Protein backbone atom coordinates (compact mmCIF):
# COMPACT_ATOMS: atom_id res chain seq x y z
CA MET A 1 -0.03 0.01 0.04
CA THR A 2 1.28 3.45 -0.93
CA HIS A 3 0.70 6.25 1.59
CA GLY A 4 0.39 9.98 0.77
CA TYR A 5 3.71 10.73 2.50
CA GLY A 6 5.52 7.95 0.54
CA LYS A 7 7.69 10.34 -1.52
CA GLU A 8 8.69 12.24 1.66
CA GLN A 9 9.17 9.10 3.85
CA LYS A 10 12.98 9.39 4.23
CA ALA A 11 12.83 13.14 4.96
CA ILE A 12 10.04 12.58 7.53
CA VAL A 13 11.94 9.82 9.25
CA SER A 14 15.04 11.97 9.33
CA ARG A 15 13.11 14.86 10.80
CA LEU A 16 11.51 12.64 13.41
CA ARG A 17 14.98 11.37 14.49
CA ARG A 18 16.12 14.97 14.93
CA ILE A 19 12.96 15.69 17.07
CA GLU A 20 13.73 12.58 19.07
CA GLY A 21 17.18 14.04 19.79
CA GLN A 22 15.58 17.30 20.80
CA VAL A 23 13.34 15.42 23.29
CA ARG A 24 16.42 13.65 24.76
CA GLY A 25 18.04 17.03 25.09
CA LEU A 26 15.00 18.19 27.06
CA GLU A 27 15.54 15.31 29.41
CA ARG A 28 19.12 16.33 29.96
CA MET A 29 18.05 19.86 30.58
CA VAL A 30 15.73 18.73 33.33
CA ASP A 31 18.42 16.43 34.74
CA ASP A 32 20.81 19.36 34.79
CA GLU A 33 18.27 21.55 36.48
CA ARG A 34 18.28 24.15 33.73
CA TYR A 35 16.26 27.35 33.86
CA CYS A 36 12.56 26.80 33.40
CA ILE A 37 12.18 29.27 30.55
CA ASP A 38 14.95 27.53 28.67
CA ILE A 39 13.23 24.28 28.99
CA LEU A 40 9.86 25.77 27.88
CA THR A 41 11.66 27.36 24.88
CA GLN A 42 12.79 23.95 23.77
CA ILE A 43 9.50 22.31 24.41
CA SER A 44 7.96 24.93 22.12
CA ALA A 45 10.61 24.08 19.46
CA VAL A 46 9.76 20.40 19.58
CA THR A 47 6.02 21.13 19.39
CA THR A 48 6.60 23.31 16.31
CA ALA A 49 8.78 20.66 14.74
CA LEU A 50 6.15 17.91 15.33
CA ASP A 51 3.47 20.21 13.90
CA GLY A 52 5.53 20.58 10.74
CA VAL A 53 5.80 16.84 10.37
CA ALA A 54 2.03 16.44 10.92
CA LEU A 55 1.30 19.08 8.28
CA LYS A 56 3.60 17.34 5.80
CA ILE A 57 1.76 14.09 6.39
CA LEU A 58 -1.62 15.76 6.20
CA GLU A 59 -0.61 17.35 2.94
CA GLY A 60 0.34 13.96 1.52
CA HIS A 61 -2.92 12.51 2.64
CA VAL A 62 -4.84 15.23 0.81
CA GLU A 63 -2.76 15.07 -2.32
CA HIS A 64 -2.81 11.31 -2.49
CA CYS A 65 -5.46 9.51 -0.45
CA VAL A 66 -8.26 12.03 -0.62
CA THR A 67 -7.63 13.05 -4.20
CA ASP A 68 -7.52 9.35 -5.39
CA ALA A 69 -10.78 8.63 -3.48
CA LEU A 70 -12.53 11.59 -5.11
CA ALA A 71 -11.27 10.76 -8.51
CA SER A 72 -12.29 7.14 -8.23
CA GLY A 73 -15.94 7.96 -8.59
CA ASP A 74 -16.76 5.68 -5.54
CA GLU A 75 -19.06 8.00 -3.55
CA VAL A 76 -18.77 5.82 -0.44
CA GLU A 77 -15.01 5.81 -0.48
CA ALA A 78 -14.89 9.59 -1.26
CA GLU A 79 -17.17 10.34 1.69
CA ALA A 80 -15.11 8.11 3.97
CA LYS A 81 -11.83 10.02 3.00
CA ARG A 82 -13.57 13.30 3.37
CA ARG A 83 -14.83 12.48 6.78
CA GLU A 84 -11.39 11.08 7.73
CA LEU A 85 -9.70 14.36 6.54
CA PHE A 86 -12.04 16.54 8.66
CA ASP A 87 -11.56 14.26 11.62
CA ALA A 88 -7.72 14.52 11.29
CA ILE A 89 -8.02 18.37 11.02
CA HIS A 90 -10.21 18.42 14.06
CA ARG A 91 -7.72 16.33 16.10
CA PHE A 92 -4.76 18.36 14.94
CA THR A 93 -6.41 21.72 15.71
CA ARG A 94 -8.08 20.59 18.93
CA ALA A 95 -4.80 20.27 20.73
CA ARG A 96 -3.90 23.97 20.06
């Protein structure tokens, strides 16, 4: 099965690994008893980075999965992908 993010998979995995390193850095900051604001600044950077990955995956979903479902002429599949897209957007924005 091909996913919408397929063409970007290597870049996404690479970015997630960098984010993982940022999170480990946060753990070290807490262990080292770093200043609260410095830790919060890094948490914000991680959150922004994860949002960027989520948007890239969402973009692929729209350009591949949703577009293919709409083009297929299968109204049930198109409606399912449309609903899935709006649910994903709702989950993504609800946390903000």
